[in-house]
Amino acid sequence: MRIDGFCDERFARVLDEFEKNFTKRGDIGACFALTIEGEYVVDIWAGHQDAALEKRWQEDTIINVFSSTKTMSFLCALVLADRGLLDFEACVADYWPKFSTGNKGEIKVKHLMSHSSALPGFSRTFTTPELCDWHFCCDDLASQSPWWEPGTQSGYHAITQGYLIGEVIRRIAGKTIGQFFKTEIADLVGADFQIGVNPKDFSRIADLIEAKEVAPILEMDPDSIPGRVFAGLADDVVKMTTSAGWRQAEIPAANGHGNARSIVRAQTALANGGSAFGVELLSAAGCNKALTPQTEGIDLVLGIPVNFAMGYALANEGIQISPNANTLWWGGAGGSTVVVDTDAHACFSYVMNQMDNNIIGDPRGAALGAAVYSSLNNT
């Protein structure tokens, strides 16, 4: 099959697994990128942007990567912390006074980062236009009371985390998180990734293709914590993402648009002591903050053991993303993945349009990750 881009011969296994994603695992259009020591060694793409197979995936194709977007919000927070403007140990209300309503005065910024602020959902099911209204969403979160004791346990803040972190960033930086990410990260390293897409780039957006089966978590008891978190999101989520309102809104937990190359472009500095592509985004000490363990155990929303650090997750026995301890990762609904390995100084990402019924990553990205480490072990 036709695969465009380039792949260093050391990583031939990656190329093989990428092809198998199409021939055996159902991919329609996808891309994968990998940097080692800050240099691209793999940057490949293949397939089509649409289910009708009429429009080929291009080098500059972008797509909604859902929760892989969260890694950009984490990076924004880490940059501000490295500049001494954000304290992860500070109370959220120190930056956002109204947040103290509903016995939330003791919730710390680190709790927002680790999904343990106990605000994983909104007070009711929101419409798409409501989700696109920043102040409406933030006001709802500020008025709520915690769903459990904050800081004691994680419960995946699938949509709300972006507003929570983003509002703190907005109040510190004086600009929205999408604007901050663009000027302080994306423009500096040349990452073609947007939180809030410019309409001129709509024509580059590939079609998301619905999973053949609904994710089990989307069909849980609507009165349960997972059911309340994902309320309304099982109803044609693909159609929701095609609206201009969704694309242009800033929903930093779910609506970032980019591709594997741009995700890696943004995140590579974190794998290399803070510097990449001739730019120092943050210090080595600032990078180390990302690795600080925050929570572990069964996540109240996902129902699986997750070890959260400062935003990113760490590998554990149940989710063996990497053989290296100091590895950060996350993934998006449908299958996209982001891995930042600070031991191997490696950063890689898989992005696709054919969604699977997984909430955080899936076997296609896992196969590519395994091929990366197999190749590294043999070089």
Protein backbone atom coordinates (compact mmCIF):
# COMPACT_ATOMS: atom_id res chain seq x y z
CA MET A 1 0.00 0.00 0.00
CA ARG A 2 1.06 3.62 -0.41
CA ILE A 3 2.61 5.19 2.67
CA ASP A 4 3.92 8.74 2.37
CA GLY A 5 6.57 10.51 4.42
CA PHE A 6 9.78 9.00 5.71
CA CYS A 7 10.90 6.34 8.16
CA ASP A 8 14.46 5.77 9.30
CA GLU A 9 15.49 2.21 8.44
CA ARG A 10 16.10 1.54 12.14
CA PHE A 11 12.35 1.75 12.62
CA ALA A 12 11.23 -0.56 9.83
CA ARG A 13 9.07 -2.42 12.39
CA VAL A 14 7.05 0.75 12.89
CA LEU A 15 6.40 0.97 9.16
CA ASP A 16 5.27 -2.66 9.15
CA GLU A 17 2.83 -2.15 12.02
CA PHE A 18 1.53 1.05 10.44
CA GLU A 19 0.69 -0.91 7.29
CA LYS A 20 -0.96 -3.65 9.36
CA ASN A 21 -3.20 -1.01 10.94
CA PHE A 22 -4.71 -0.61 7.48
CA THR A 23 -4.61 -4.20 6.27
CA LYS A 24 -5.62 -5.93 9.51
CA ARG A 25 -6.92 -3.38 12.03
CA GLY A 26 -9.34 -1.30 9.98
CA ASP A 27 -7.63 2.05 9.57
CA ILE A 28 -8.98 4.40 6.88
CA GLY A 29 -6.61 7.36 7.25
CA ALA A 30 -3.84 7.84 9.77
CA CYS A 31 -0.45 9.30 10.57
CA PHE A 32 2.40 8.55 12.96
CA ALA A 33 5.46 10.53 14.02
CA LEU A 34 8.43 9.86 16.28
CA THR A 35 11.33 11.98 17.47
CA ILE A 36 14.46 10.67 19.15
CA GLU A 37 16.77 13.16 20.87
CA GLY A 38 14.67 15.94 19.37
CA GLU A 39 14.95 14.80 15.75
CA TYR A 40 12.20 13.25 13.61
CA VAL A 41 13.05 9.67 12.67
CA VAL A 42 9.53 8.73 11.55
CA ASP A 43 6.88 10.96 9.95
CA ILE A 44 4.40 8.92 7.92
CA TRP A 45 0.82 9.15 6.73
CA ALA A 46 -1.47 7.06 4.55
CA GLY A 47 -5.03 6.31 3.55
CA HIS A 48 -7.97 8.62 3.09
CA GLN A 49 -9.65 11.51 4.84
CA ASP A 50 -13.15 10.14 4.24
CA ALA A 51 -15.09 6.90 4.47
CA ALA A 52 -15.82 7.00 0.73
CA LEU A 53 -12.06 6.80 0.06
CA GLU A 54 -12.24 9.75 -2.31
CA LYS A 55 -9.81 12.17 -0.66
CA ARG A 56 -6.30 11.02 0.22
CA TRP A 57 -4.74 11.86 3.59
CA GLN A 58 -2.23 14.64 2.95
CA GLU A 59 0.91 15.81 4.71
CA ASP A 60 -0.98 18.81 6.16
CA THR A 61 -4.24 16.99 6.98
CA ILE A 62 -5.49 17.74 10.49
CA ILE A 63 -8.26 16.22 12.57
CA ASN A 64 -10.01 16.52 15.93
CA VAL A 65 -7.86 14.41 18.30
CA PHE A 66 -10.22 14.55 21.29
CA SER A 67 -8.43 14.00 24.61
CA SER A 68 -4.96 13.99 23.12
CA THR A 69 -5.64 17.74 23.26
CA LYS A 70 -5.29 17.53 27.03
CA THR A 71 -1.54 17.12 26.71
CA MET A 72 -1.39 20.64 25.24
CA SER A 73 -3.22 22.09 28.22
CA PHE A 74 -0.78 20.28 30.54
CA LEU A 75 2.14 21.74 28.64
CA CYS A 76 0.68 25.26 28.91
CA ALA A 77 0.33 24.86 32.68
CA LEU A 78 3.87 23.49 33.00
CA VAL A 79 5.27 26.45 31.05
CA LEU A 80 3.49 28.93 33.33
CA ALA A 81 4.67 27.04 36.42
CA ASP A 82 8.23 27.08 35.10
CA ARG A 83 8.00 30.86 34.79
CA GLY A 84 6.93 31.13 38.42
CA LEU A 85 3.44 32.35 37.51
CA LEU A 86 1.49 29.22 38.45
CA ASP A 87 1.87 27.21 41.65
CA PHE A 88 0.49 23.68 41.47
CA GLU A 89 0.27 23.62 45.28
CA ALA A 90 -1.83 26.79 45.39
CA CYS A 91 -5.59 26.73 45.82
CA VAL A 92 -7.54 27.23 42.60
CA ALA A 93 -9.52 29.99 44.32
CA ASP A 94 -6.31 32.01 44.70
CA TYR A 95 -6.48 32.56 40.95
CA TRP A 96 -10.23 32.16 40.43
CA PRO A 97 -12.04 33.51 43.54
CA LYS A 98 -15.54 32.42 42.50
CA PHE A 99 -14.30 28.83 42.42
CA SER A 100 -14.41 28.68 46.24
CA THR A 101 -18.21 28.38 46.08
CA GLY A 102 -19.62 25.01 47.16
CA ASN A 103 -16.87 24.05 49.60
CA LYS A 104 -14.16 24.09 46.91
CA GLY A 105 -11.83 26.58 48.61
CA GLU A 106 -9.22 23.93 49.41
CA ILE A 107 -9.03 22.36 45.95
CA LYS A 108 -5.51 22.84 44.61
CA VAL A 109 -4.32 23.37 41.06
CA LYS A 110 -2.59 19.97 41.17
CA HIS A 111 -6.02 18.40 41.73
CA LEU A 112 -7.20 19.89 38.43
CA MET A 113 -4.16 18.41 36.72
CA SER A 114 -4.67 14.92 38.18
CA HIS A 115 -8.44 14.56 37.65
CA SER A 116 -8.91 14.56 41.42
CA SER A 117 -10.73 17.89 41.89
CA ALA A 118 -13.99 15.87 41.95
CA LEU A 119 -15.62 17.94 39.20
CA PRO A 120 -15.63 15.42 36.35
CA GLY A 121 -18.91 16.59 34.82
CA PHE A 122 -21.34 19.46 34.56
CA SER A 123 -24.48 19.95 36.63
CA ARG A 124 -26.58 18.60 33.74
CA THR A 125 -26.26 17.49 30.14
CA PHE A 126 -24.99 20.35 27.98
CA THR A 127 -25.84 21.02 24.34
CA THR A 128 -23.04 21.53 21.84
CA PRO A 129 -23.57 25.33 21.77
CA GLU A 130 -23.34 25.35 25.58
CA LEU A 131 -20.09 23.36 25.48
CA CYS A 132 -18.76 25.98 23.07
CA ASP A 133 -19.54 28.81 25.52
CA TRP A 134 -16.44 29.19 27.70
CA HIS A 135 -17.91 31.39 30.42
CA PHE A 136 -21.10 29.33 30.61
CA CYS A 137 -19.09 26.16 31.26
CA CYS A 138 -16.75 27.79 33.76
CA ASP A 139 -19.63 29.35 35.68
CA ASP A 140 -21.32 25.96 35.95
CA LEU A 141 -18.14 24.36 37.32
CA ALA A 142 -17.53 27.20 39.75
CA SER A 143 -21.05 26.87 41.17
CA GLN A 144 -20.88 23.11 41.77
CA SER A 145 -19.86 21.18 44.85
CA PRO A 146 -17.33 18.32 44.59
CA TRP A 147 -18.70 14.89 43.71
CA TRP A 148 -16.33 13.21 46.21
CA GLU A 149 -13.55 14.33 48.57
CA PRO A 150 -11.07 16.24 46.39
CA GLY A 151 -7.53 14.93 46.20
CA THR A 152 -8.38 11.43 47.40
CA GLN A 153 -8.99 9.68 44.10
CA SER A 154 -8.99 10.40 40.39
CA GLY A 155 -12.16 10.44 38.32
CA TYR A 156 -11.48 11.23 34.68
CA HIS A 157 -12.52 14.83 33.93
CA ALA A 158 -13.23 13.98 30.29
CA ILE A 159 -14.50 17.40 29.18
CA THR A 160 -14.33 19.58 32.28
CA GLN A 161 -10.57 19.39 32.85
CA GLY A 162 -9.83 21.69 29.94
CA TYR A 163 -12.11 24.44 31.21
CA LEU A 164 -10.76 24.11 34.74
CA ILE A 165 -7.09 24.31 33.77
CA GLY A 166 -7.83 26.78 31.01
CA GLU A 167 -9.64 29.25 33.25
CA VAL A 168 -6.73 29.31 35.67
CA ILE A 169 -4.39 29.93 32.74
CA ARG A 170 -6.66 32.66 31.37
CA ARG A 171 -6.68 34.49 34.68
CA ILE A 172 -2.89 34.31 35.01
CA ALA A 173 -1.88 34.99 31.41
CA GLY A 174 -4.65 37.39 30.43
CA LYS A 175 -5.39 35.37 27.30
CA THR A 176 -7.35 32.23 26.51
CA ILE A 177 -5.62 28.88 26.62
CA GLY A 178 -5.91 28.59 22.85
CA GLN A 179 -4.19 31.94 22.42
CA PHE A 180 -1.54 31.10 25.01
CA PHE A 181 -0.80 27.75 23.40
CA LYS A 182 -0.49 29.38 19.98
CA THR A 183 1.83 32.22 20.95
CA GLU A 184 3.88 30.57 23.69
CA ILE A 185 4.25 27.05 22.31
CA ALA A 186 2.90 26.27 18.82
CA ASP A 187 4.29 29.33 17.02
CA LEU A 188 7.66 28.96 18.72
CA VAL A 189 8.27 25.34 17.76
CA GLY A 190 6.24 25.35 14.54
CA ALA A 191 3.48 22.98 15.65
CA ASP A 192 0.47 22.88 13.33
CA PHE A 193 -1.95 22.28 16.20
CA GLN A 194 -4.88 24.51 17.16
CA ILE A 195 -7.25 24.74 20.10
CA GLY A 196 -9.91 26.70 18.29
CA VAL A 197 -9.46 26.25 14.55
CA ASN A 198 -9.09 29.19 12.17
CA PRO A 199 -11.88 28.81 9.56
CA LYS A 200 -9.29 29.08 6.77
CA ASP A 201 -8.06 25.65 7.87
CA PHE A 202 -11.45 23.91 7.81
CA SER A 203 -10.73 22.45 4.36
CA ARG A 204 -7.75 20.53 5.80
CA ILE A 205 -9.82 18.73 8.44
CA ALA A 206 -10.34 15.02 7.81
CA ASP A 207 -13.67 13.36 8.52
CA LEU A 208 -13.98 11.40 11.72
CA ILE A 209 -15.56 8.01 11.09
CA GLU A 210 -17.75 6.55 13.81
CA ALA A 211 -16.70 3.44 15.68
CA LYS A 212 -18.55 0.29 14.69
CA GLU A 213 -19.53 -0.24 18.32
CA VAL A 214 -20.37 2.23 21.07
CA ALA A 215 -17.83 2.41 23.89
CA PRO A 216 -19.25 0.51 26.90
CA ILE A 217 -18.57 3.47 29.20
CA LEU A 218 -21.02 5.58 27.16
CA GLU A 219 -23.84 3.15 27.94
CA MET A 220 -23.47 3.01 31.70
CA ASP A 221 -26.17 3.84 34.24
CA PRO A 222 -26.93 7.56 33.69
CA ASP A 223 -27.03 8.05 37.47
CA SER A 224 -23.54 6.62 37.99
CA ILE A 225 -20.47 8.85 38.00
CA PRO A 226 -19.35 7.65 34.54
CA GLY A 227 -22.90 7.98 33.24
CA ARG A 228 -23.13 11.57 34.46
CA VAL A 229 -19.72 12.45 33.04
CA PHE A 230 -20.50 11.15 29.55
CA ALA A 231 -24.16 12.16 29.48
CA GLY A 232 -25.15 13.19 25.98
CA LEU A 233 -21.81 12.32 24.41
CA ALA A 234 -22.99 9.00 22.97
CA ASP A 235 -25.38 10.77 20.60
CA ASP A 236 -23.60 11.33 17.29
CA VAL A 237 -20.35 12.76 18.64
CA VAL A 238 -18.92 12.74 15.10
CA LYS A 239 -21.66 15.07 13.82
CA MET A 240 -21.05 17.34 16.80
CA THR A 241 -17.43 17.85 15.77
CA THR A 242 -18.29 18.94 12.23
CA SER A 243 -20.03 22.15 13.29
CA ALA A 244 -18.19 25.44 12.84
CA GLY A 245 -19.08 26.30 16.43
CA TRP A 246 -17.31 23.22 17.80
CA ARG A 247 -14.26 23.68 15.60
CA GLN A 248 -13.77 27.34 16.46
CA ALA A 249 -14.49 26.96 20.19
CA GLU A 250 -11.76 26.35 22.73
CA ILE A 251 -12.51 23.04 24.43
CA PRO A 252 -9.00 22.17 25.63
CA ALA A 253 -9.87 18.70 26.85
CA ALA A 254 -11.45 17.56 23.60
CA ASN A 255 -11.39 19.69 20.45
CA GLY A 256 -7.75 20.30 19.53
CA HIS A 257 -7.01 19.80 15.84
CA GLY A 258 -3.67 18.59 14.55
CA ASN A 259 -1.87 15.49 13.38
CA ALA A 260 0.84 13.18 14.69
CA ARG A 261 3.63 15.43 13.45
CA SER A 262 2.25 18.53 15.16
CA ILE A 263 1.50 16.75 18.43
CA VAL A 264 5.07 15.49 18.53
CA ARG A 265 6.37 18.91 17.52
CA ALA A 266 4.68 20.46 20.55
CA GLN A 267 5.54 17.72 23.05
CA THR A 268 9.13 16.86 22.06
CA ALA A 269 10.67 19.51 24.33
CA LEU A 270 9.25 17.71 27.37
CA ALA A 271 11.15 14.56 26.36
CA ASN A 272 14.41 16.47 26.03
CA GLY A 273 14.87 18.56 29.15
CA GLY A 274 12.68 21.41 27.90
CA SER A 275 14.34 22.23 24.60
CA ALA A 276 13.47 21.23 21.03
CA PHE A 277 13.84 22.59 17.52
CA GLY A 278 16.11 25.38 18.70
CA VAL A 279 13.65 26.63 21.33
CA GLU A 280 13.75 26.31 25.13
CA LEU A 281 10.12 26.00 26.19
CA LEU A 282 10.87 25.25 29.83
CA SER A 283 13.72 24.24 32.10
CA ALA A 284 14.78 20.71 32.98
CA ALA A 285 13.36 21.27 36.47
CA GLY A 286 10.11 22.38 34.89
CA CYS A 287 10.01 19.16 32.88
CA ASN A 288 10.57 17.11 36.02
CA LYS A 289 7.44 18.61 37.59
CA ALA A 290 5.41 16.78 34.96
CA LEU A 291 6.60 13.46 36.42
CA THR A 292 5.47 14.19 39.98
CA PRO A 293 3.04 11.38 41.01
CA GLN A 294 -0.37 12.62 42.12
CA THR A 295 -2.88 9.77 42.28
CA GLU A 296 -3.03 6.03 41.72
CA GLY A 297 -5.69 3.37 41.93
CA ILE A 298 -9.00 2.69 40.24
CA ASP A 299 -10.24 5.78 38.44
CA LEU A 300 -13.84 6.52 39.45
CA VAL A 301 -14.88 7.26 35.87
CA LEU A 302 -12.74 4.98 33.71
CA GLY A 303 -12.99 2.04 36.11
CA ILE A 304 -9.37 0.99 35.54
CA PRO A 305 -6.14 1.60 37.51
CA VAL A 306 -4.53 4.86 36.38
CA ASN A 307 -1.46 6.56 37.82
CA PHE A 308 -1.68 10.28 37.20
CA ALA A 309 1.28 12.62 37.40
CA MET A 310 0.98 16.35 36.67
CA GLY A 311 -1.64 16.05 33.98
CA TYR A 312 -0.17 13.17 32.06
CA ALA A 313 -0.52 9.55 33.14
CA LEU A 314 2.40 7.33 34.08
CA ALA A 315 2.79 3.77 32.87
CA ASN A 316 1.66 1.09 35.33
CA GLU A 317 1.38 -2.69 35.35
CA GLY A 318 -2.03 -2.60 33.72
CA ILE A 319 -1.14 -0.06 31.06
CA GLN A 320 2.38 -0.84 29.88
CA ILE A 321 2.88 2.08 27.55
CA SER A 322 6.66 1.99 27.90
CA PRO A 323 9.40 -0.09 29.53
CA ASN A 324 10.84 3.14 30.93
CA ALA A 325 9.62 4.48 34.26
CA ASN A 326 9.76 8.18 33.42
CA THR A 327 7.28 8.08 30.59
CA LEU A 328 4.24 10.35 30.27
CA TRP A 329 1.26 9.56 28.08
CA TRP A 330 -2.35 10.08 27.26
CA GLY A 331 -4.79 9.26 24.47
CA GLY A 332 -7.99 10.43 22.88
CA ALA A 333 -11.39 8.86 22.31
CA GLY A 334 -11.34 6.70 19.22
CA GLY A 335 -7.66 5.86 19.31
CA SER A 336 -5.20 8.76 19.12
CA THR A 337 -2.18 8.51 21.44
CA VAL A 338 0.66 10.67 22.75
CA VAL A 339 3.77 9.28 24.49
CA VAL A 340 6.61 11.34 25.99
CA ASP A 341 9.50 9.17 27.18
CA THR A 342 11.97 11.29 29.14
CA ASP A 343 14.34 8.35 29.68
CA ALA A 344 14.70 7.46 25.99
CA HIS A 345 14.28 11.11 24.93
CA ALA A 346 11.56 9.87 22.61
CA CYS A 347 8.20 11.37 21.71
CA PHE A 348 5.63 9.74 19.44
CA SER A 349 2.01 10.07 18.44
CA TYR A 350 -0.58 8.17 16.42
CA VAL A 351 -3.62 9.95 14.96
CA MET A 352 -6.40 8.45 12.83
CA ASN A 353 -9.93 9.10 11.56
CA GLN A 354 -11.50 5.64 11.94
CA MET A 355 -12.59 5.66 15.56
CA ASP A 356 -12.54 2.57 17.75
CA ASN A 357 -14.71 2.13 20.84
CA ASN A 358 -11.92 2.98 23.29
CA ILE A 359 -11.84 6.16 25.35
CA ILE A 360 -8.06 6.46 25.82
CA GLY A 361 -5.99 4.95 23.03
CA ASP A 362 -6.40 1.54 21.39
CA PRO A 363 -4.53 -1.49 19.95
CA ARG A 364 -3.41 0.34 16.80
CA GLY A 365 -1.44 2.93 18.74
CA ALA A 366 -0.24 0.26 21.15
CA ALA A 367 1.15 -1.82 18.27
CA LEU A 368 3.06 1.17 16.95
CA GLY A 369 4.42 1.95 20.42
CA ALA A 370 5.58 -1.63 20.86
CA ALA A 371 7.34 -1.41 17.50
CA VAL A 372 9.09 1.80 18.59
CA TYR A 373 10.54 0.14 21.70
CA SER A 374 11.40 -3.07 19.88
CA SER A 375 13.35 -0.98 17.38
CA LEU A 376 15.09 1.01 20.10
CA ASN A 377 16.16 -2.19 21.84
CA ASN A 378 17.76 -3.40 18.64
CA THR A 379 19.71 -0.27 17.71
